[in-house]
Protein backbone atom coordinates (compact mmCIF):
# COMPACT_ATOMS: atom_id res chain seq x y z
CA MET A 1 -39.73 -61.35 17.53
CA ALA A 2 -36.02 -60.41 17.20
CA LEU A 3 -34.82 -57.47 19.08
CA ARG A 4 -33.68 -54.28 16.96
CA MET A 5 -30.06 -54.22 17.99
CA PRO A 6 -27.41 -52.00 16.08
CA SER A 7 -24.57 -53.56 14.40
CA LEU A 8 -21.09 -52.72 13.61
CA ARG A 9 -19.19 -53.18 10.13
CA ILE A 10 -15.62 -53.52 10.97
CA VAL A 11 -13.17 -52.47 7.91
CA VAL A 12 -9.45 -53.27 8.39
CA ALA A 13 -6.87 -53.42 5.57
CA GLU A 14 -9.77 -53.31 2.82
CA GLN A 15 -11.42 -56.39 4.58
CA THR A 16 -15.21 -56.10 6.10
CA PHE A 17 -16.78 -57.99 9.04
CA GLU A 18 -19.96 -57.51 10.34
CA ALA A 19 -21.44 -58.34 13.79
CA ALA A 20 -24.64 -57.52 15.92
CA LEU A 21 -24.15 -55.77 19.24
CA PRO A 22 -26.07 -56.80 22.29
CA ALA A 23 -27.59 -54.19 25.06
CA SER A 24 -24.41 -54.11 27.12
CA ALA A 25 -21.34 -51.90 26.67
CA ILE A 26 -18.59 -53.02 24.21
CA ARG A 27 -14.91 -52.10 25.20
CA VAL A 28 -12.47 -51.80 22.13
CA GLY A 29 -8.83 -52.37 22.38
CA THR A 30 -5.57 -54.35 22.05
CA ALA A 31 -5.96 -56.13 25.60
CA PRO A 32 -7.33 -59.40 25.80
CA VAL A 33 -10.07 -58.33 28.47
CA CYS A 34 -11.63 -55.97 25.86
CA ASP A 35 -14.97 -57.16 24.28
CA LEU A 36 -13.73 -56.21 20.81
CA THR A 37 -9.74 -56.84 20.31
CA LEU A 38 -7.95 -55.33 17.32
CA ALA A 39 -4.59 -56.11 16.53
CA CYS A 40 -4.23 -52.89 14.47
CA GLU A 41 -1.58 -50.41 14.72
CA GLY A 42 -2.61 -46.98 16.56
CA VAL A 43 -4.97 -49.01 18.76
CA ALA A 44 -4.51 -48.50 22.65
CA SER A 45 -4.86 -51.26 25.14
CA GLU A 46 -8.23 -49.94 25.94
CA HIS A 47 -9.03 -47.38 23.30
CA CYS A 48 -12.71 -46.50 23.61
CA VAL A 49 -16.14 -47.99 24.60
CA LEU A 50 -19.56 -48.05 23.06
CA GLU A 51 -22.34 -47.76 25.91
CA PRO A 52 -26.05 -48.08 25.42
CA MET A 53 -28.08 -45.12 26.91
CA PRO A 54 -31.48 -45.18 28.65
CA SER A 55 -32.94 -43.35 25.60
CA GLY A 56 -32.00 -46.19 23.29
CA GLU A 57 -29.05 -44.47 21.60
CA TRP A 58 -25.78 -45.70 21.67
CA ARG A 59 -22.65 -43.36 23.08
CA LEU A 60 -18.92 -43.67 22.22
CA LYS A 61 -16.43 -42.47 24.79
CA ASP A 62 -12.59 -42.36 24.19
CA LEU A 63 -10.63 -44.11 27.32
CA GLY A 64 -7.88 -41.63 27.03
CA SER A 65 -5.84 -43.41 24.15
CA GLY A 66 -2.81 -41.78 22.97
CA HIS A 67 -3.84 -41.66 19.12
CA GLY A 68 -7.49 -40.56 19.86
CA THR A 69 -10.72 -41.56 18.44
CA ARG A 70 -12.50 -39.98 15.47
CA VAL A 71 -16.01 -40.09 14.41
CA ASN A 72 -16.64 -38.78 11.00
CA GLY A 73 -13.19 -37.34 10.72
CA ALA A 74 -13.55 -35.22 14.05
CA GLU A 75 -11.22 -36.33 17.16
CA VAL A 76 -13.73 -36.73 19.81
CA ARG A 77 -13.76 -37.56 23.83
CA GLN A 78 -17.43 -38.46 23.99
CA VAL A 79 -20.21 -38.41 21.50
CA ALA A 80 -23.66 -39.77 20.93
CA LEU A 81 -23.77 -42.22 17.89
CA LYS A 82 -26.16 -42.06 15.04
CA SER A 83 -26.77 -44.55 12.12
CA GLY A 84 -24.30 -44.37 9.52
CA ASP A 85 -21.46 -42.92 11.86
CA LEU A 86 -17.79 -43.81 10.75
CA ILE A 87 -15.45 -44.64 13.72
CA GLU A 88 -11.95 -44.33 13.28
CA VAL A 89 -9.70 -46.45 15.86
CA GLY A 90 -6.27 -46.69 14.64
CA LEU A 91 -6.10 -48.18 11.42
CA ALA A 92 -9.50 -49.82 11.59
CA CYS A 93 -12.79 -48.30 10.50
CA ILE A 94 -16.13 -49.27 12.44
CA HIS A 95 -19.29 -48.44 10.82
CA PHE A 96 -22.04 -47.93 13.31
CA ASP A 97 -25.64 -49.15 11.74
CA ALA A 98 -28.63 -48.68 14.09
CA ALA A 99 -30.62 -51.10 11.80
CA PRO A 100 -30.31 -54.90 12.93
CA LEU A 101 -27.67 -57.10 11.12
CA ARG A 102 -29.05 -58.92 8.21
CA PRO A 103 -27.89 -62.38 7.11
CA ALA A 104 -26.46 -62.87 3.64
CA GLY A 105 -29.82 -64.21 2.22
CA GLY A 106 -31.50 -61.24 3.18
CA ALA A 107 -33.87 -62.62 6.01
CA ALA A 108 -33.87 -61.28 9.43
CA ALA A 109 -31.65 -62.84 11.81
CA ALA A 110 -33.66 -65.52 13.91
CA ALA A 111 -33.86 -65.21 17.82
CA PRO A 112 -31.19 -67.25 19.48
CA SER A 113 -32.34 -70.64 20.68
CA SER A 114 -30.92 -73.10 23.22
CA ALA A 115 -29.62 -75.09 20.10
CA ALA A 116 -26.01 -74.26 19.00
CA PRO A 117 -25.91 -72.30 15.80
CA PRO A 118 -23.76 -73.42 13.08
CA ALA A 119 -20.05 -72.36 13.42
CA ALA A 120 -19.25 -72.09 9.95
CA VAL A 121 -18.65 -68.37 8.64
CA PRO A 122 -21.70 -67.16 6.47
CA ALA A 123 -20.87 -65.58 3.40
CA ARG A 124 -20.37 -61.54 3.15
CA GLY A 125 -18.18 -61.78 6.22
CA VAL A 126 -21.15 -62.03 8.63
CA LEU A 127 -19.81 -63.26 11.86
CA PRO A 128 -21.88 -65.89 13.84
CA LEU A 129 -22.24 -66.17 17.70
CA LYS A 130 -20.92 -69.29 19.55
CA SER A 131 -23.40 -71.36 21.56
CA ALA A 132 -24.13 -70.30 24.84
CA SER A 133 -23.31 -73.87 26.06
CA THR A 134 -19.49 -73.34 24.55
CA SER A 135 -17.04 -72.04 27.28
CA SER A 136 -15.49 -68.93 26.75
CA SER A 137 -12.22 -70.22 27.44
CA THR A 138 -12.35 -72.68 24.08
CA SER A 139 -9.38 -72.04 21.70
CA ALA A 140 -10.41 -69.17 19.16
CA SER A 141 -9.26 -71.41 16.32
CA LYS A 142 -11.74 -74.27 16.87
CA SER A 143 -14.49 -71.74 16.71
CA PHE A 144 -14.17 -71.85 12.83
CA ALA A 145 -14.43 -75.51 12.84
CA PRO A 146 -17.88 -77.09 12.37
CA GLU A 147 -19.35 -78.94 15.18
CA SER A 148 -20.50 -82.53 14.54
CA SER A 149 -23.18 -82.40 17.24
CA ALA A 150 -24.83 -79.43 15.70
CA PRO A 151 -28.15 -79.56 13.72
CA HIS A 152 -28.25 -78.60 10.16
CA SER A 153 -25.98 -81.31 9.09
CA SER A 154 -26.53 -80.28 5.42
CA ALA A 155 -24.54 -77.12 5.94
CA PRO A 156 -21.46 -76.90 3.85
CA ALA A 157 -18.32 -77.78 5.20
CA SER A 158 -16.45 -74.90 6.72
CA PRO A 159 -12.83 -73.69 5.75
CA ALA A 160 -9.80 -74.94 7.48
CA PRO A 161 -9.27 -73.31 10.95
CA LEU A 162 -7.28 -70.08 10.93
CA ALA A 163 -5.68 -68.45 13.87
CA PRO A 164 -7.45 -65.40 14.66
CA VAL A 165 -5.77 -62.24 15.61
CA ALA A 166 -8.85 -60.27 16.85
CA HIS A 167 -12.01 -61.27 18.80
CA VAL A 168 -15.03 -59.93 20.61
CA VAL A 169 -16.88 -60.98 23.44
CA LEU A 170 -20.28 -60.02 23.61
CA PRO A 171 -22.29 -60.66 26.99
CA ARG A 172 -25.98 -61.66 26.55
CA GLY A 173 -27.79 -62.10 29.80
CA SER A 174 -26.03 -64.10 32.43
CA ALA A 175 -23.94 -66.05 29.92
CA ALA A 176 -21.07 -64.76 27.73
CA ARG A 177 -21.02 -65.39 24.09
CA LYS A 178 -17.74 -65.13 22.23
CA LEU A 179 -17.49 -63.96 18.94
CA VAL A 180 -14.28 -64.47 17.02
CA LEU A 181 -13.33 -62.15 14.22
CA GLY A 182 -11.01 -63.63 11.66
CA ALA A 183 -9.57 -61.64 8.81
CA LEU A 184 -10.35 -63.70 5.51
CA ALA A 185 -8.86 -62.17 2.61
CA LEU A 186 -9.74 -64.49 -0.28
CA ALA A 187 -7.78 -64.15 -3.49
CA LEU A 188 -7.89 -66.61 -6.44
CA VAL A 189 -4.22 -66.90 -7.62
CA GLY A 190 -3.77 -69.73 -10.11
CA GLY A 191 -7.05 -71.27 -8.94
CA VAL A 192 -5.91 -71.66 -5.35
CA LEU A 193 -7.89 -70.10 -2.59
CA VAL A 194 -5.49 -68.18 -0.14
CA ALA A 195 -6.71 -67.45 3.45
CA VAL A 196 -4.92 -64.37 4.97
CA GLY A 197 -4.82 -63.54 8.52
CA LEU A 198 -5.54 -59.95 9.64
CA THR A 199 -2.41 -58.19 10.79
CA GLY A 200 -3.35 -54.31 10.55
CA LYS A 201 0.35 -53.56 9.72
CA SER A 202 -0.34 -52.19 6.11
CA ASP A 203 2.30 -54.35 4.48
CA GLY A 204 0.27 -54.63 1.33
CA ALA A 205 1.04 -53.05 -2.06
CA GLY A 206 -1.68 -50.51 -1.91
CA SER A 207 -0.42 -49.35 1.84
CA GLU A 208 3.31 -49.31 0.42
CA ALA A 209 2.14 -47.22 -2.61
CA ARG A 210 -0.03 -44.89 -0.32
CA ALA A 211 3.17 -44.35 1.89
CA ARG A 212 5.26 -43.48 -0.89
CA ARG A 213 2.64 -40.84 -2.17
CA ASP A 214 2.65 -39.33 1.27
CA LEU A 215 6.48 -39.35 1.16
CA GLU A 216 6.45 -37.56 -2.06
CA ALA A 217 3.91 -35.01 -0.89
CA ALA A 218 6.01 -34.48 2.43
CA ILE A 219 9.10 -34.02 0.33
CA GLY A 220 7.23 -31.48 -2.13
CA LEU A 221 6.41 -29.27 0.94
CA TYR A 222 9.97 -29.49 2.31
CA ARG A 223 11.31 -28.43 -1.32
CA ALA A 224 8.73 -25.45 -1.20
CA HIS A 225 10.12 -24.35 2.11
CA ASP A 226 6.82 -24.94 3.93
CA TYR A 227 8.88 -26.69 6.85
CA LEU A 228 6.27 -26.88 9.35
CA GLY A 229 3.77 -28.64 6.78
CA ALA A 230 6.48 -31.05 5.95
CA ARG A 231 7.17 -32.08 9.49
CA GLN A 232 3.79 -32.76 10.33
CA ALA A 233 3.16 -34.70 7.20
CA LEU A 234 6.53 -36.59 7.92
CA VAL A 235 5.63 -37.45 11.49
CA GLU A 236 1.98 -38.78 10.74
CA LEU A 237 3.85 -41.03 7.90
CA GLY A 238 6.42 -42.09 10.61
CA GLN A 239 3.54 -43.22 12.89
CA ARG A 240 2.04 -45.52 10.32
CA VAL A 241 5.04 -46.79 8.73
CA ARG A 242 7.97 -47.61 10.95
CA THR A 243 10.09 -50.17 8.75
CA GLY A 244 11.29 -50.36 5.24
CA ASP A 245 12.74 -47.65 2.65
CA VAL A 246 9.87 -45.39 3.14
CA ALA A 247 10.36 -45.21 6.84
CA ARG A 248 14.01 -44.69 6.39
CA GLN A 249 13.61 -41.77 3.89
CA ALA A 250 10.94 -40.25 5.94
CA GLY A 251 13.36 -40.30 9.19
CA THR A 252 16.18 -38.75 7.04
CA TYR A 253 14.12 -35.76 5.26
CA LEU A 254 12.48 -35.29 9.07
CA ALA A 255 16.01 -34.63 10.53
CA SER A 256 16.55 -31.98 7.75
CA VAL A 257 13.07 -30.35 8.41
CA ASN A 258 13.64 -30.45 11.96
CA GLN A 259 17.05 -28.51 11.47
CA ALA A 260 15.35 -26.09 9.19
CA VAL A 261 12.50 -25.52 11.76
CA SER A 262 14.97 -24.92 14.59
CA GLN A 263 16.89 -22.43 12.40
CA ALA A 264 13.85 -20.40 11.67
CA GLU A 265 12.56 -20.53 15.28
CA ASN A 266 16.25 -19.38 16.23
CA GLU A 267 15.86 -16.42 13.83
CA LEU A 268 12.55 -15.18 15.34
CA GLU A 269 13.94 -15.48 18.86
CA GLY A 270 16.79 -13.23 17.67
CA TRP A 271 14.38 -10.55 16.55
CA VAL A 272 13.05 -10.57 20.03
CA SER A 273 16.54 -10.61 21.82
CA ARG A 274 17.75 -7.35 19.51
CA ALA A 275 13.98 -5.69 19.80
CA LEU A 276 15.70 -2.45 20.53
CA ASP A 277 17.57 -2.33 17.30
CA PHE A 278 14.68 -3.85 15.07
CA ASP A 279 13.48 -1.50 12.76
CA LEU A 280 9.50 -1.76 13.07
CA SER A 281 9.04 0.40 10.04
CA ALA A 282 10.69 -2.43 7.82
CA ALA A 283 8.44 -5.21 9.62
CA ALA A 284 6.17 -5.97 6.73
CA SER A 285 8.93 -6.61 4.35
CA ARG A 286 11.05 -8.64 6.68
CA GLN A 287 7.95 -10.71 7.45
CA ALA A 288 7.41 -11.45 3.70
CA VAL A 289 10.89 -12.41 3.10
CA PHE A 290 10.87 -14.69 6.11
CA LEU A 291 7.61 -16.43 5.03
CA GLU A 292 8.93 -16.73 1.68
CA GLY A 293 12.13 -18.59 2.84
CA HIS A 294 10.54 -20.65 5.71
CA GLY A 295 6.82 -21.27 4.41
CA GLN A 296 3.48 -19.81 5.44
CA GLY A 297 3.02 -22.02 8.41
CA PHE A 298 5.15 -19.68 10.58
CA ALA A 299 2.77 -16.79 9.98
CA GLU A 300 1.39 -16.76 13.30
CA LYS A 301 4.89 -17.31 14.79
CA VAL A 302 6.13 -14.20 12.92
CA ARG A 303 3.25 -11.98 14.09
CA SER A 304 3.72 -13.16 17.36
CA SER A 305 7.58 -12.36 17.36
CA LEU A 306 6.62 -8.73 15.88
CA GLU A 307 4.19 -8.22 18.80
CA ARG A 308 6.80 -9.07 21.29
CA VAL A 309 9.50 -6.91 19.74
CA ARG A 310 6.82 -4.06 19.68
CA ALA A 311 6.04 -4.53 23.17
CA GLU A 312 9.82 -4.49 24.18
CA GLN A 313 10.38 -1.38 22.44
CA GLN A 314 7.51 0.23 24.10
CA ARG A 315 8.73 -0.86 27.67
CA TRP A 316 12.08 0.76 27.16
CA ARG A 317 10.45 3.84 25.60
CA GLN A 318 8.50 4.32 28.78
CA LEU A 319 11.37 3.58 31.26
CA GLU A 320 13.62 5.93 29.16
CA VAL A 321 11.08 8.73 29.33
CA THR A 322 10.66 8.38 32.88
CA ARG A 323 14.15 8.30 33.73
CA VAL A 324 15.00 11.48 31.57
CA ALA A 325 11.98 13.35 33.24
CA ALA A 326 13.35 12.75 36.52
CA GLU A 327 16.67 14.42 35.66
CA VAL A 328 14.71 17.44 34.05
CA GLU A 329 12.58 18.18 36.87
CA PRO A 330 15.12 19.84 39.19
CA LEU A 331 16.43 21.83 35.99
CA LEU A 332 12.74 23.16 35.38
CA ALA A 333 12.55 24.23 38.99
CA LEU A 334 15.69 26.32 38.53
CA SER A 335 14.21 27.80 35.40
CA HIS A 336 17.23 26.30 33.44
CA TYR A 337 15.13 25.72 30.29
CA LYS A 338 18.09 25.72 27.89
CA GLN A 339 19.44 22.62 29.69
CA ALA A 340 16.23 20.73 30.13
CA ARG A 341 16.03 21.08 26.28
CA ALA A 342 19.36 19.85 25.80
CA ARG A 343 18.84 16.74 27.90
CA TRP A 344 15.82 15.68 26.04
CA LEU A 345 17.62 16.35 22.58
CA LYS A 346 20.57 14.24 23.91
CA ALA A 347 18.19 11.24 24.85
CA GLN A 348 16.74 11.27 21.58
CA ALA A 349 20.02 11.24 19.75
CA SER A 350 21.41 8.14 22.12
CA ALA A 351 18.32 5.93 21.61
CA PRO A 352 18.82 2.60 20.18
CA GLY A 353 18.55 2.21 16.24
CA GLY A 354 15.10 0.49 16.54
CA VAL A 355 13.72 2.95 18.88
CA ASP A 356 12.46 6.27 17.86
CA LEU A 357 11.79 8.88 20.69
CA GLY A 358 10.79 11.57 18.19
CA GLN A 359 7.35 11.80 19.45
CA ASP A 360 7.98 11.41 23.09
CA VAL A 361 10.67 14.12 22.84
CA ALA A 362 8.74 16.49 20.96
CA SER A 363 5.87 16.25 23.55
CA GLN A 364 8.25 16.80 26.42
CA LEU A 365 9.99 19.96 24.52
CA GLY A 366 6.49 21.18 24.20
CA SER A 367 5.97 21.25 28.22
CA VAL A 368 9.50 22.64 28.78
CA ASP A 369 8.31 25.51 26.22
CA ALA A 370 4.98 25.92 27.97
CA ALA A 371 6.96 26.37 31.25
CA ALA A 372 9.33 28.72 29.87
CA GLU A 373 6.50 30.90 28.65
CA VAL A 374 4.97 31.05 32.10
CA SER A 375 8.44 31.88 33.68
CA ALA A 376 9.28 34.37 31.15
CA SER A 377 5.93 36.24 31.90
CA GLN A 378 6.82 36.43 35.40
CA LEU A 379 10.42 37.38 34.79
CA LEU A 380 9.02 40.33 32.81
CA GLU A 381 6.60 41.46 35.40
CA ARG A 382 9.70 41.70 37.92
CA ALA A 383 11.57 43.70 35.32
CA ALA A 384 8.90 46.08 35.01
CA THR A 385 8.85 46.58 38.86
CA ALA A 386 12.32 47.21 38.83
CA LEU A 387 11.99 49.71 35.98
CA ARG A 388 9.40 51.74 38.29
CA LEU A 389 11.44 51.48 41.41
CA ARG A 390 14.99 51.83 40.51
CA GLY A 391 15.01 52.75 36.69
CA PRO A 392 15.53 51.12 33.37
CA ARG A 393 19.07 50.05 34.02
CA SER A 394 18.10 47.87 37.12
CA GLY A 395 15.42 46.06 34.78
CA ALA A 396 17.94 45.54 32.08
CA GLU A 397 20.29 43.91 34.46
CA LEU A 398 17.44 41.70 35.88
CA LEU A 399 16.61 40.28 32.13
CA GLY A 400 20.28 39.88 31.22
CA ALA A 401 21.24 37.72 34.04
CA ALA A 402 18.20 35.47 33.25
CA ILE A 403 18.02 35.29 29.56
CA GLU A 404 20.56 32.96 28.73
CA HIS A 405 18.50 30.11 30.49
CA TYR A 406 15.64 30.43 28.06
CA GLU A 407 17.70 30.02 24.73
CA GLY A 408 15.88 27.77 22.23
CA SER A 409 12.60 28.48 23.69
CA ALA A 410 9.93 30.68 22.26
CA ALA A 411 9.95 33.00 25.20
CA HIS A 412 13.65 33.89 24.60
CA GLY A 413 12.63 35.94 21.75
CA ARG A 414 10.37 38.06 23.76
CA LEU A 415 12.83 38.55 26.76
CA ALA A 416 15.44 39.61 24.33
CA GLU A 417 13.22 42.16 22.74
CA ARG A 418 12.12 43.59 26.14
CA LEU A 419 15.81 43.69 27.09
CA ALA A 420 16.84 45.88 24.28
CA ALA A 421 14.32 48.30 24.90
CA LEU A 422 15.54 48.68 28.40
CA GLU A 423 18.98 49.07 27.56
CA ARG A 424 17.97 51.66 24.79
CA GLU A 425 15.78 53.79 27.52
CA ALA A 426 18.67 53.41 30.03
CA GLN A 427 20.97 54.84 27.63
CA ALA A 428 18.99 57.79 26.99
CA GLN A 429 18.45 58.79 30.53
CA GLN A 430 22.39 58.90 31.56
CA PRO A 431 23.52 62.38 32.36
CA ALA A 432 25.88 64.42 30.26
CA LEU A 433 29.41 64.47 31.20
CA ALA A 434 31.37 67.97 32.06
CA PRO A 435 34.04 69.07 29.56
CA ALA A 436 37.41 68.08 30.55
CA VAL A 437 39.81 70.96 32.00
CA PRO A 438 43.35 71.36 30.45
CA ALA A 439 46.31 71.05 32.92
CA ALA A 440 48.17 74.29 33.50
CA SER A 441 51.96 74.72 32.39
CA PRO A 442 54.72 75.56 34.88
CA GLY A 443 55.21 79.24 35.72
CA ALA A 444 51.93 80.27 34.27
CA VAL A 445 49.67 82.73 35.96
CA PRO A 446 46.39 81.65 36.85
CA ALA A 447 43.35 83.61 35.23
CA GLY A 448 42.56 86.72 37.26
CA GLY A 449 46.12 87.56 38.56
CA PRO A 450 48.27 85.88 41.34
CA ARG A 451 46.59 85.12 44.69
CA HIS A 452 49.54 85.92 46.71
CA VAL A 453 52.69 87.85 45.89
CA ALA A 454 55.56 87.46 48.26
CA ARG A 455 56.68 90.95 49.94
CA PHE A 456 60.25 89.77 50.33
CA THR A 457 62.79 88.06 48.07
CA LYS A 458 65.28 85.76 49.56
CA PRO A 459 68.77 86.80 48.51
CA HIS A 460 70.79 84.13 46.66
CA GLY A 461 74.48 83.91 46.20
CA PRO A 462 77.45 84.37 48.43
CA GLY A 463 77.67 87.16 50.67
CA SER A 464 74.24 87.95 50.77
CA ARG A 465 72.53 88.80 53.89
CA SER A 466 69.43 88.29 55.24
CA HIS A 467 69.06 91.51 57.03
CA GLY A 468 70.15 94.99 55.97
CA GLY A 469 73.44 96.55 56.57
CA ASP A 470 76.08 98.72 55.05
CA ASP A 471 77.92 95.97 53.10
CA GLY A 472 74.96 94.97 51.34
CA ALA A 473 74.65 94.63 47.60
CA ALA A 474 74.19 98.02 45.76
CA GLY A 475 70.75 98.48 44.75
CA ALA A 476 69.15 95.85 46.71
CA PRO A 477 66.53 97.20 48.65
CA ARG A 478 66.79 96.89 52.48
CA GLY A 479 64.14 95.11 53.92
CA ARG A 480 62.04 95.97 57.02
CA ARG A 481 61.10 93.43 59.46
CA GLY A 482 57.98 92.76 59.72
């Protein structure tokens, strides 16, 4: 009874080949040491391996290939295979089928025997196994030729030998069986059967048409200003098509796309480098204009740049508030609230254009006013004490010396009202001044008579005497010595 072993159906360049797998691992790649060698573009030297597991399932594991391995369209590193899975290795597609391989006639494949099976390639691309007695180093091209010593001499003659471009070596027991895969594309042109070797380079008319469609799609993305989408499409196209007009045009457009992408990224970096001058209130409109000009593919980068701008502005704001607060602190300690308010207002006016310190300054001014209220209450208490001890004039002088430092704060009004009241009270308590005495005129006699009248009058003129005598002036009273 034949073992139920899975099979592979390999499709490359619209050609299909089938082969049954043994119970041992199959290594796929371009290196000659691989069990399944594919000369397709995008296939690494040792691309992946198919391994049987003890549970009876098969597992696919990527061997670190540069282009990756996909199963059902998704790139995988390691996955358990199910019947019907589609494995993409470069440009080759491998269909994994858990059912045993069936020959063209529909009958089950017979168990291998010691006799060598016919080497002719059956219909529907089913690949035969070589005889176990055949050396593994036999030329691959000879494996397509019929063996004269093999039974079934009635088998039809095989086609002319073709140089294979891929082969698979399937170990079975202690002996190695080598299965040669030849790409046979049969096209009837003018009644002539043409055999084409599998190259895997997508040089056919269909591949050329597909490449041109992909190029036109990438150009459409470029003209629509979707530069990131266009770049991705052109890079993928360049990996598949490396020569010809399509490759040259793709390279030209890719250079233009890269330049446009570079300009867009430089503009976003400019936002961040000039973050302090960036107006975040207009961020939504600037984002819309940028995406319209450079494509929606930049949406995530635009959001990231705006977050960096916002973070930079927040960092600067915190540093500035901390710096100004350190300058204001000694002013508050001296109760110079007017100067403290002026310093905060100056910080707000000198902030960069993109940074709004309005909320921060308003909060700090509120703190200054609160401190001024407390200080004003204490000042009014000291003024009241001075009023009781030394009178209203002393209290007024105390308030008048300090009130200027409270200008601009709410406490200034209270202090001004109390100062005015104290000044009115001091004015009311001031004593009335005595009326002014007019100055006396020369020779006037004071009121109440003279305080002293000279008893003797000193004579004046020549010949006068100080003492009495006979020759004194007539009528002059003679004085008596006292």
